[in-house]
C-alpha atoms as a PDB file:
ATOM      1  CA  MET A   1      -0.069   0.079   0.017  1.00  0.00           C
ATOM      2  CA  SER A   2       3.012   2.230   0.182  1.00  0.00           C
ATOM      3  CA  THR A   3       3.323   5.247  -2.266  1.00  0.00           C
ATOM      4  CA  ASP A   4       5.930   8.022  -2.617  1.00  0.00           C
ATOM      5  CA  ARG A   5       3.590  10.206  -0.761  1.00  0.00           C
ATOM      6  CA  ASP A   6       3.767   8.240   2.403  1.00  0.00           C
ATOM      7  CA  ARG A   7       5.218   9.716   5.473  1.00  0.00           C
ATOM      8  CA  PRO A   8       5.595   7.948   8.872  1.00  0.00           C
ATOM      9  CA  LEU A   9       3.903   9.817  11.670  1.00  0.00           C
ATOM     10  CA  SER A  10       5.633   9.865  15.099  1.00  0.00           C
ATOM     11  CA  GLY A  11       4.216   9.348  18.514  1.00  0.00           C
ATOM     12  CA  GLY A  12       2.362   6.124  18.643  1.00  0.00           C
ATOM     13  CA  MET A  13       3.512   3.183  20.765  1.00  0.00           C
ATOM     14  CA  MET A  14       0.897   0.696  19.682  1.00  0.00           C
ATOM     15  CA  ASN A  15       0.619   1.134  16.025  1.00  0.00           C
ATOM     16  CA  THR A  16       2.544   2.196  12.931  1.00  0.00           C
ATOM     17  CA  VAL A  17       0.759   5.249  11.355  1.00  0.00           C
ATOM     18  CA  THR A  18       1.409   6.644   7.874  1.00  0.00           C
ATOM     19  CA  ARG A  19       0.037   9.821   6.497  1.00  0.00           C
ATOM     20  CA  ARG A  20      -0.898   9.540   2.743  1.00  0.00           C
ATOM     21  CA  GLY A  21      -2.042  12.976   1.489  1.00  0.00           C
ATOM     22  CA  ASP A  22      -5.196  13.975   3.326  1.00  0.00           C
ATOM     23  CA  ARG A  23      -5.728  10.611   5.100  1.00  0.00           C
ATOM     24  CA  VAL A  24      -3.835   8.345   7.527  1.00  0.00           C
ATOM     25  CA  VAL A  25      -3.264   4.673   6.965  1.00  0.00           C
ATOM     26  CA  ARG A  26      -2.803   2.421   9.980  1.00  0.00           C
ATOM     27  CA  THR A  27      -3.319  -1.154  11.192  1.00  0.00           C
ATOM     28  CA  ALA A  28      -6.952  -1.526  12.045  1.00  0.00           C
ATOM     29  CA  PRO A  29      -7.900  -2.912  15.417  1.00  0.00           C
ATOM     30  CA  ASP A  30      -9.941  -5.964  15.639  1.00  0.00           C
ATOM     31  CA  HIS A  31     -13.124  -4.119  16.524  1.00  0.00           C
ATOM     32  CA  ALA A  32     -12.738  -1.708  13.571  1.00  0.00           C
ATOM     33  CA  PRO A  33     -16.031  -2.226  12.063  1.00  0.00           C
ATOM     34  CA  ALA A  34     -18.010  -1.277  15.059  1.00  0.00           C
ATOM     35  CA  LEU A  35     -15.563   1.668  15.817  1.00  0.00           C
ATOM     36  CA  HIS A  36     -15.744   3.001  12.164  1.00  0.00           C
ATOM     37  CA  SER A  37     -19.685   2.796  12.462  1.00  0.00           C
ATOM     38  CA  PHE A  38     -19.377   4.802  15.665  1.00  0.00           C
ATOM     39  CA  LEU A  39     -16.960   7.355  14.445  1.00  0.00           C
ATOM     40  CA  THR A  40     -19.076   7.911  11.294  1.00  0.00           C
ATOM     41  CA  ARG A  41     -22.189   8.507  13.308  1.00  0.00           C
ATOM     42  CA  LEU A  42     -20.330  10.679  15.662  1.00  0.00           C
ATOM     43  CA  SER A  43     -19.295  12.971  12.630  1.00  0.00           C
ATOM     44  CA  ARG A  44     -22.978  13.206  11.665  1.00  0.00           C
ATOM     45  CA  THR A  45     -23.682  14.955  14.896  1.00  0.00           C
ATOM     46  CA  GLY A  46     -21.542  17.958  13.848  1.00  0.00           C
ATOM     47  CA  PHE A  47     -18.781  17.058  16.147  1.00  0.00           C
ATOM     48  CA  THR A  48     -15.559  17.773  13.995  1.00  0.00           C
ATOM     49  CA  GLY A  49     -13.001  16.668  16.985  1.00  0.00           C
ATOM     50  CA  ALA A  50     -12.213  13.081  15.684  1.00  0.00           C
ATOM     51  CA  PRO A  51     -11.007  11.467  12.608  1.00  0.00           C
ATOM     52  CA  ARG A  52     -13.554  10.053  10.119  1.00  0.00           C
ATOM     53  CA  PRO A  53     -13.225   6.504   8.837  1.00  0.00           C
ATOM     54  CA  LEU A  54     -12.656   6.385   5.037  1.00  0.00           C
ATOM     55  CA  ALA A  55     -11.882   2.649   4.413  1.00  0.00           C
ATOM     56  CA  LEU A  56     -11.248  -0.587   5.899  1.00  0.00           C
ATOM     57  CA  HIS A  57      -9.204  -2.883   3.689  1.00  0.00           C
ATOM     58  CA  SER A  58      -9.173  -6.755   3.680  1.00  0.00           C
ATOM     59  CA  ASP A  59      -5.254  -6.656   4.401  1.00  0.00           C
ATOM     60  CA  GLY A  60      -6.053  -5.421   7.911  1.00  0.00           C
ATOM     61  CA  HIS A  61      -5.458  -1.643   7.283  1.00  0.00           C
ATOM     62  CA  GLU A  62      -7.676   1.157   7.731  1.00  0.00           C
ATOM     63  CA  GLU A  63      -7.707   4.717   6.381  1.00  0.00           C
ATOM     64  CA  LEU A  64      -9.147   7.854   8.203  1.00  0.00           C
ATOM     65  CA  THR A  65      -9.021  11.494   7.613  1.00  0.00           C
ATOM     66  CA  PHE A  66      -5.877  13.281   8.698  1.00  0.00           C
ATOM     67  CA  VAL A  67      -6.501  15.941  11.285  1.00  0.00           C
ATOM     68  CA  GLU A  68      -4.125  18.918  10.687  1.00  0.00           C
ATOM     69  CA  GLY A  69      -2.596  20.537  13.537  1.00  0.00           C
ATOM     70  CA  ASP A  70       0.053  20.134  16.270  1.00  0.00           C
ATOM     71  CA  VAL A  71       0.621  17.044  18.537  1.00  0.00           C
ATOM     72  CA  ALA A  72       2.988  17.443  21.559  1.00  0.00           C
ATOM     73  CA  LEU A  73       5.423  14.677  21.923  1.00  0.00           C
ATOM     74  CA  PRO A  74       7.976  13.997  24.576  1.00  0.00           C
ATOM     75  CA  PRO A  75       9.944  15.752  25.626  1.00  0.00           C
ATOM     76  CA  PHE A  76       6.995  18.041  25.869  1.00  0.00           C
ATOM     77  CA  PRO A  77       7.174  21.736  24.758  1.00  0.00           C
ATOM     78  CA  ALA A  78       6.453  24.426  27.346  1.00  0.00           C
ATOM     79  CA  TRP A  79       3.147  25.369  25.792  1.00  0.00           C
ATOM     80  CA  ALA A  80       1.815  21.753  26.359  1.00  0.00           C
ATOM     81  CA  LEU A  81       2.289  22.096  30.173  1.00  0.00           C
ATOM     82  CA  ARG A  82       0.523  25.412  30.615  1.00  0.00           C
ATOM     83  CA  ASP A  83      -2.966  25.689  32.410  1.00  0.00           C
ATOM     84  CA  LYS A  84      -4.492  26.654  29.156  1.00  0.00           C
ATOM     85  CA  THR A  85      -3.688  23.442  27.507  1.00  0.00           C
ATOM     86  CA  LEU A  86      -5.174  21.457  30.377  1.00  0.00           C
ATOM     87  CA  ILE A  87      -8.307  23.671  30.076  1.00  0.00           C
ATOM     88  CA  GLU A  88      -8.443  23.199  26.314  1.00  0.00           C
ATOM     89  CA  VAL A  89      -8.311  19.457  26.623  1.00  0.00           C
ATOM     90  CA  ALA A  90     -11.009  19.332  29.203  1.00  0.00           C
ATOM     91  CA  GLY A  91     -13.345  21.441  27.173  1.00  0.00           C
ATOM     92  CA  LEU A  92     -12.711  19.077  24.168  1.00  0.00           C
ATOM     93  CA  LEU A  93     -13.452  16.033  26.291  1.00  0.00           C
ATOM     94  CA  ARG A  94     -16.800  17.654  27.248  1.00  0.00           C
ATOM     95  CA  ARG A  95     -17.770  18.373  23.861  1.00  0.00           C
ATOM     96  CA  TYR A  96     -16.860  14.949  22.784  1.00  0.00           C
ATOM     97  CA  HIS A  97     -18.789  13.295  25.683  1.00  0.00           C
ATOM     98  CA  GLU A  98     -21.876  15.405  24.737  1.00  0.00           C
ATOM     99  CA  ALA A  99     -21.893  14.266  21.141  1.00  0.00           C
ATOM    100  CA  ALA A 100     -20.853  10.761  22.009  1.00  0.00           C
ATOM    101  CA  ALA A 101     -23.832  10.353  24.522  1.00  0.00           C
ATOM    102  CA  THR A 102     -26.220  10.829  21.352  1.00  0.00           C
ATOM    103  CA  VAL A 103     -24.510   8.106  19.341  1.00  0.00           C
ATOM    104  CA  PRO A 104     -25.391   4.558  19.646  1.00  0.00           C
ATOM    105  CA  PHE A 105     -22.558   2.001  19.686  1.00  0.00           C
ATOM    106  CA  SER A 106     -22.530  -1.809  19.183  1.00  0.00           C
ATOM    107  CA  SER A 107     -23.083  -3.620  22.470  1.00  0.00           C
ATOM    108  CA  ASP A 108     -22.004  -6.850  20.819  1.00  0.00           C
ATOM    109  CA  ALA A 109     -18.489  -5.620  19.706  1.00  0.00           C
ATOM    110  CA  SER A 110     -15.448  -6.754  21.537  1.00  0.00           C
ATOM    111  CA  TRP A 111     -14.404  -3.446  22.819  1.00  0.00           C
ATOM    112  CA  PRO A 112     -11.011  -3.504  24.296  1.00  0.00           C
ATOM    113  CA  THR A 113     -10.761  -3.703  27.942  1.00  0.00           C
ATOM    114  CA  ALA A 114      -7.132  -2.701  28.411  1.00  0.00           C
ATOM    115  CA  LEU A 115      -7.740   0.862  29.694  1.00  0.00           C
ATOM    116  CA  GLY A 116     -11.535   0.594  29.806  1.00  0.00           C
ATOM    117  CA  ASP A 117     -13.732   1.542  32.788  1.00  0.00           C
ATOM    118  CA  PRO A 118     -14.120  -1.702  34.717  1.00  0.00           C
ATOM    119  CA  GLY A 119     -17.725  -0.991  35.365  1.00  0.00           C
ATOM    120  CA  GLY A 120     -18.535  -0.156  31.908  1.00  0.00           C
ATOM    121  CA  GLY A 121     -20.988   2.791  30.989  1.00  0.00           C
ATOM    122  CA  THR A 122     -23.242   4.253  28.513  1.00  0.00           C
ATOM    123  CA  VAL A 123     -20.676   6.475  26.633  1.00  0.00           C
ATOM    124  CA  LEU A 124     -17.898   5.329  24.449  1.00  0.00           C
ATOM    125  CA  CYS A 125     -14.776   6.806  26.304  1.00  0.00           C
ATOM    126  CA  HIS A 126     -11.577   7.571  24.660  1.00  0.00           C
ATOM    127  CA  ASN A 127      -9.732   6.096  27.474  1.00  0.00           C
ATOM    128  CA  ASP A 128      -6.189   7.371  26.428  1.00  0.00           C
ATOM    129  CA  PRO A 129      -6.420  11.347  26.281  1.00  0.00           C
ATOM    130  CA  CYS A 130      -2.762  11.834  26.620  1.00  0.00           C
ATOM    131  CA  LEU A 131      -0.993  14.860  24.953  1.00  0.00           C
ATOM    132  CA  GLU A 132       0.149  12.445  22.184  1.00  0.00           C
ATOM    133  CA  ASN A 133      -3.555  11.792  21.283  1.00  0.00           C
ATOM    134  CA  VAL A 134      -4.785  15.490  20.980  1.00  0.00           C
ATOM    135  CA  VAL A 135      -4.346  17.863  18.114  1.00  0.00           C
ATOM    136  CA  PHE A 136      -4.001  21.570  18.747  1.00  0.00           C
ATOM    137  CA  ARG A 137      -4.455  24.356  16.245  1.00  0.00           C
ATOM    138  CA  ASP A 138      -3.580  28.038  17.158  1.00  0.00           C
ATOM    139  CA  GLY A 139      -3.454  27.021  20.813  1.00  0.00           C
ATOM    140  CA  HIS A 140      -6.848  25.243  20.862  1.00  0.00           C
ATOM    141  CA  ALA A 141      -7.353  21.643  21.413  1.00  0.00           C
ATOM    142  CA  VAL A 142      -9.423  20.680  18.201  1.00  0.00           C
ATOM    143  CA  ALA A 143      -9.457  16.837  18.052  1.00  0.00           C
ATOM    144  CA  LEU A 144      -8.933  13.722  19.819  1.00  0.00           C
ATOM    145  CA  ILE A 145      -7.041  11.016  17.746  1.00  0.00           C
ATOM    146  CA  ASP A 146      -6.258   7.230  18.215  1.00  0.00           C
ATOM    147  CA  PHE A 147      -9.562   5.746  19.319  1.00  0.00           C
ATOM    148  CA  ASP A 148      -8.146   2.186  19.347  1.00  0.00           C
ATOM    149  CA  LEU A 149      -8.613   1.823  23.243  1.00  0.00           C
ATOM    150  CA  ALA A 150     -12.116   3.358  23.270  1.00  0.00           C
ATOM    151  CA  ALA A 151     -14.785   1.433  25.090  1.00  0.00           C
ATOM    152  CA  PRO A 152     -17.967   1.863  27.004  1.00  0.00           C
ATOM    153  CA  GLY A 153     -17.639   3.708  30.302  1.00  0.00           C
ATOM    154  CA  ARG A 154     -18.433   6.631  32.526  1.00  0.00           C
ATOM    155  CA  PRO A 155     -17.451  10.220  31.425  1.00  0.00           C
ATOM    156  CA  VAL A 156     -15.742  10.543  34.780  1.00  0.00           C
ATOM    157  CA  TRP A 157     -13.263   7.759  33.672  1.00  0.00           C
ATOM    158  CA  ASP A 158     -12.066   9.844  30.821  1.00  0.00           C
ATOM    159  CA  LEU A 159     -11.618  12.805  33.279  1.00  0.00           C
ATOM    160  CA  ALA A 160      -9.489  10.452  35.488  1.00  0.00           C
ATOM    161  CA  ALA A 161      -7.314   9.532  32.647  1.00  0.00           C
ATOM    162  CA  LEU A 162      -6.832  13.082  31.741  1.00  0.00           C
ATOM    163  CA  ALA A 163      -5.953  13.964  35.390  1.00  0.00           C
ATOM    164  CA  PHE A 164      -3.508  11.053  35.243  1.00  0.00           C
ATOM    165  CA  TYR A 165      -1.808  12.338  32.214  1.00  0.00           C
ATOM    166  CA  LEU A 166      -2.094  16.206  32.372  1.00  0.00           C
ATOM    167  CA  GLY A 167      -2.590  16.949  35.808  1.00  0.00           C
ATOM    168  CA  PRO A 168      -0.362  15.257  36.146  1.00  0.00           C
ATOM    169  CA  THR A 169      -1.096  13.200  39.038  1.00  0.00           C
ATOM    170  CA  LEU A 170       2.641  12.266  39.515  1.00  0.00           C
ATOM    171  CA  ASP A 171       4.651  12.106  42.689  1.00  0.00           C
ATOM    172  CA  PRO A 172       7.139  15.001  42.865  1.00  0.00           C
ATOM    173  CA  ALA A 173      10.352  12.882  41.911  1.00  0.00           C
ATOM    174  CA  SER A 174       8.494  11.318  38.978  1.00  0.00           C
ATOM    175  CA  ALA A 175       7.079  14.759  37.804  1.00  0.00           C
ATOM    176  CA  ALA A 176      10.685  16.126  37.948  1.00  0.00           C
ATOM    177  CA  GLU A 177      12.083  13.203  35.797  1.00  0.00           C
ATOM    178  CA  SER A 178       9.313  13.638  33.122  1.00  0.00           C
ATOM    179  CA  GLY A 179       9.594  17.500  32.787  1.00  0.00           C
ATOM    180  CA  PHE A 180       6.254  18.227  34.772  1.00  0.00           C
ATOM    181  CA  GLU A 181       8.303  19.674  37.805  1.00  0.00           C
ATOM    182  CA  GLY A 182       6.684  22.508  39.673  1.00  0.00           C
ATOM    183  CA  LEU A 183       3.159  21.955  38.521  1.00  0.00           C
ATOM    184  CA  ASP A 184       0.491  22.173  41.326  1.00  0.00           C
ATOM    185  CA  ALA A 185      -1.543  19.061  40.747  1.00  0.00           C
ATOM    186  CA  PRO A 186      -4.315  19.841  43.060  1.00  0.00           C
ATOM    187  CA  ARG A 187      -4.862  23.278  41.577  1.00  0.00           C
ATOM    188  CA  ARG A 188      -4.746  21.780  38.107  1.00  0.00           C
ATOM    189  CA  LEU A 189      -7.260  19.178  39.021  1.00  0.00           C
ATOM    190  CA  ARG A 190      -9.617  22.069  40.051  1.00  0.00           C
ATOM    191  CA  LEU A 191      -9.017  23.807  36.727  1.00  0.00           C
ATOM    192  CA  LEU A 192      -9.806  20.584  34.880  1.00  0.00           C
ATOM    193  CA  ALA A 193     -12.882  20.090  36.884  1.00  0.00           C
ATOM    194  CA  ASP A 194     -14.101  23.559  36.291  1.00  0.00           C
ATOM    195  CA  ALA A 195     -13.311  23.641  32.568  1.00  0.00           C
ATOM    196  CA  TYR A 196     -15.109  20.553  32.048  1.00  0.00           C
ATOM    197  CA  ASP A 197     -18.087  21.693  34.482  1.00  0.00           C
ATOM    198  CA  MET A 198     -17.962  18.435  36.537  1.00  0.00           C
ATOM    199  CA  SER A 199     -20.869  17.722  38.666  1.00  0.00           C
ATOM    200  CA  ALA A 200     -20.370  17.632  42.477  1.00  0.00           C
ATOM    201  CA  ALA A 201     -20.834  13.828  42.381  1.00  0.00           C
ATOM    202  CA  ASP A 202     -18.118  13.311  39.805  1.00  0.00           C
ATOM    203  CA  ARG A 203     -15.884  15.697  41.644  1.00  0.00           C
ATOM    204  CA  GLU A 204     -16.246  13.491  44.825  1.00  0.00           C
ATOM    205  CA  ILE A 205     -15.110  10.295  43.082  1.00  0.00           C
ATOM    206  CA  LEU A 206     -12.542  11.711  40.578  1.00  0.00           C
ATOM    207  CA  PRO A 207      -9.448  11.194  43.045  1.00  0.00           C
ATOM    208  CA  ALA A 208     -10.611   7.513  43.674  1.00  0.00           C
ATOM    209  CA  THR A 209     -11.027   7.017  39.984  1.00  0.00           C
ATOM    210  CA  VAL A 210      -7.704   8.462  39.302  1.00  0.00           C
ATOM    211  CA  ARG A 211      -6.197   5.812  41.607  1.00  0.00           C
ATOM    212  CA  GLU A 212      -8.134   3.143  39.844  1.00  0.00           C
ATOM    213  CA  TYR A 213      -7.024   4.414  36.453  1.00  0.00           C
ATOM    214  CA  ASN A 214      -3.404   4.180  37.655  1.00  0.00           C
ATOM    215  CA  GLU A 215      -3.916   0.519  38.748  1.00  0.00           C
ATOM    216  CA  ILE A 216      -5.432  -0.322  35.298  1.00  0.00           C
ATOM    217  CA  SER A 217      -2.554   1.455  33.560  1.00  0.00           C
ATOM    218  CA  ARG A 218       0.046  -0.289  35.566  1.00  0.00           C
ATOM    219  CA  ALA A 219      -1.670  -3.659  34.610  1.00  0.00           C
ATOM    220  CA  PHE A 220      -1.827  -2.673  31.029  1.00  0.00           C
ATOM    221  CA  VAL A 221       2.050  -1.779  30.910  1.00  0.00           C
ATOM    222  CA  ARG A 222       2.875  -4.963  32.868  1.00  0.00           C
ATOM    223  CA  GLY A 223       1.028  -7.112  30.196  1.00  0.00           C
ATOM    224  CA  MET A 224       2.785  -5.269  27.323  1.00  0.00           C
ATOM    225  CA  VAL A 225       6.218  -5.874  29.070  1.00  0.00           C
ATOM    226  CA  GLU A 226       5.559  -9.404  29.753  1.00  0.00           C
ATOM    227  CA  ARG A 227       4.678  -9.883  25.994  1.00  0.00           C
ATOM    228  CA  GLY A 228       8.133  -8.438  25.365  1.00  0.00           C
ATOM    229  CA  ASP A 229       6.916  -5.236  23.464  1.00  0.00           C
ATOM    230  CA  PRO A 230      10.190  -3.437  23.014  1.00  0.00           C
ATOM    231  CA  LEU A 231       8.743   0.047  23.206  1.00  0.00           C
ATOM    232  CA  PHE A 232       7.076  -0.594  26.554  1.00  0.00           C
ATOM    233  CA  VAL A 233      10.138  -2.425  27.834  1.00  0.00           C
ATOM    234  CA  ARG A 234      12.556   0.421  27.030  1.00  0.00           C
ATOM    235  CA  ALA A 235       9.965   2.893  28.329  1.00  0.00           C
ATOM    236  CA  LEU A 236       9.698   1.143  31.549  1.00  0.00           C
ATOM    237  CA  GLU A 237      13.510   1.013  32.037  1.00  0.00           C
ATOM    238  CA  ARG A 238      13.843   4.607  31.160  1.00  0.00           C
ATOM    239  CA  LEU A 239      11.397   5.662  33.669  1.00  0.00           C
ATOM    240  CA  GLY A 240      12.829   3.841  36.646  1.00  0.00           C
ATOM    241  CA  GLY A 241      11.104   0.498  36.424  1.00  0.00           C
ATOM    242  CA  TRP A 242       8.241  -0.596  38.847  1.00  0.00           C
ATOM    243  CA  ALA A 243       9.684   1.635  41.662  1.00  0.00           C
ATOM    244  CA  ARG A 244       8.180   4.632  39.974  1.00  0.00           C
ATOM    245  CA  TRP A 245       4.614   3.087  39.689  1.00  0.00           C
ATOM    246  CA  ASP A 246       5.125   2.133  43.449  1.00  0.00           C
ATOM    247  CA  ARG A 247       5.778   5.704  44.328  1.00  0.00           C
ATOM    248  CA  ARG A 248       2.896   6.929  42.247  1.00  0.00           C
ATOM    249  CA  ARG A 249       0.471   4.615  43.951  1.00  0.00           C
ATOM    250  CA  ALA A 250       1.503   5.592  47.458  1.00  0.00           C
ATOM    251  CA  TRP A 251       1.462   9.386  46.665  1.00  0.00           C
ATOM    252  CA  LEU A 252      -2.101   9.129  45.101  1.00  0.00           C
ATOM    253  CA  CYS A 253      -3.302   7.478  48.251  1.00  0.00           C
ATOM    254  CA  ALA A 254      -1.719  10.154  50.485  1.00  0.00           C
ATOM    255  CA  GLN A 255      -2.969  12.964  48.301  1.00  0.00           C
ATOM    256  CA  GLU A 256      -6.547  12.070  48.020  1.00  0.00           C
ATOM    257  CA  PRO A 257      -7.796  14.272  50.841  1.00  0.00           C
ATOM    258  CA  VAL A 258      -5.832  17.271  49.240  1.00  0.00           C
ATOM    259  CA  PHE A 259      -7.346  16.539  45.877  1.00  0.00           C
ATOM    260  CA  LEU A 260     -10.842  16.390  47.465  1.00  0.00           C
ATOM    261  CA  ARG A 261     -10.462  19.848  49.230  1.00  0.00           C
ATOM    262  CA  ALA A 262      -9.195  21.317  45.871  1.00  0.00           C
ATOM    263  CA  LEU A 263     -12.091  19.918  43.930  1.00  0.00           C
ATOM    264  CA  LEU A 264     -14.894  20.689  46.393  1.00  0.00           C
ATOM    265  CA  ASP A 265     -13.998  23.740  48.287  1.00  0.00           C
END
């Protein structure tokens, strides 16, 4: 399927992605038919913040529209760590959830469970709203990309994922190692919640949901490492192994009352 116009795109850890003109070619997930149906219906709501499916090929590749803009990749640029960026992504998630809530999805599809809400839910959550999966244009978050891990869940699950990545809810040592040093996580959680206009009920469970997302993410990484995935093996080694995950777990437990005060006061 390669042409002289093909250009590999950087950033993905789970897929090889190539830009071909105004479209993206990538390996399709097993549940691609159900996901394509959802994304097509989502575009018909007027929501423009996600790629549109264009084709699903018998060789296991899919084509989607290419979303023009900027994607922040590690080491993250300064603009990606500003409060405005967090506020923009929270607003984008709100718009996505509002549109997705009106779109039916197949209950029979084998939606991936790797980063999904364990309790399920009525909205197809993105589940991986990290900086690498958000497209910005002129400083505004305009689209979510890479819906491979999307699955039914509660909107608060996506907010916990966003807090996990962009709070970031990292212990101070890990934050310093990752370029997030000096960010005030409790204050940023409040900014996230206000920008999304989270309900009081969801604010009350957000810190515990972040802890749960941390455990799900750890299990996901462990599975990838045990399968010998070279990208995850190298990333785990580079970031200090499981000791970093242990620090984050302990820190999240200790910080939960602090997070709750910031969210509710």
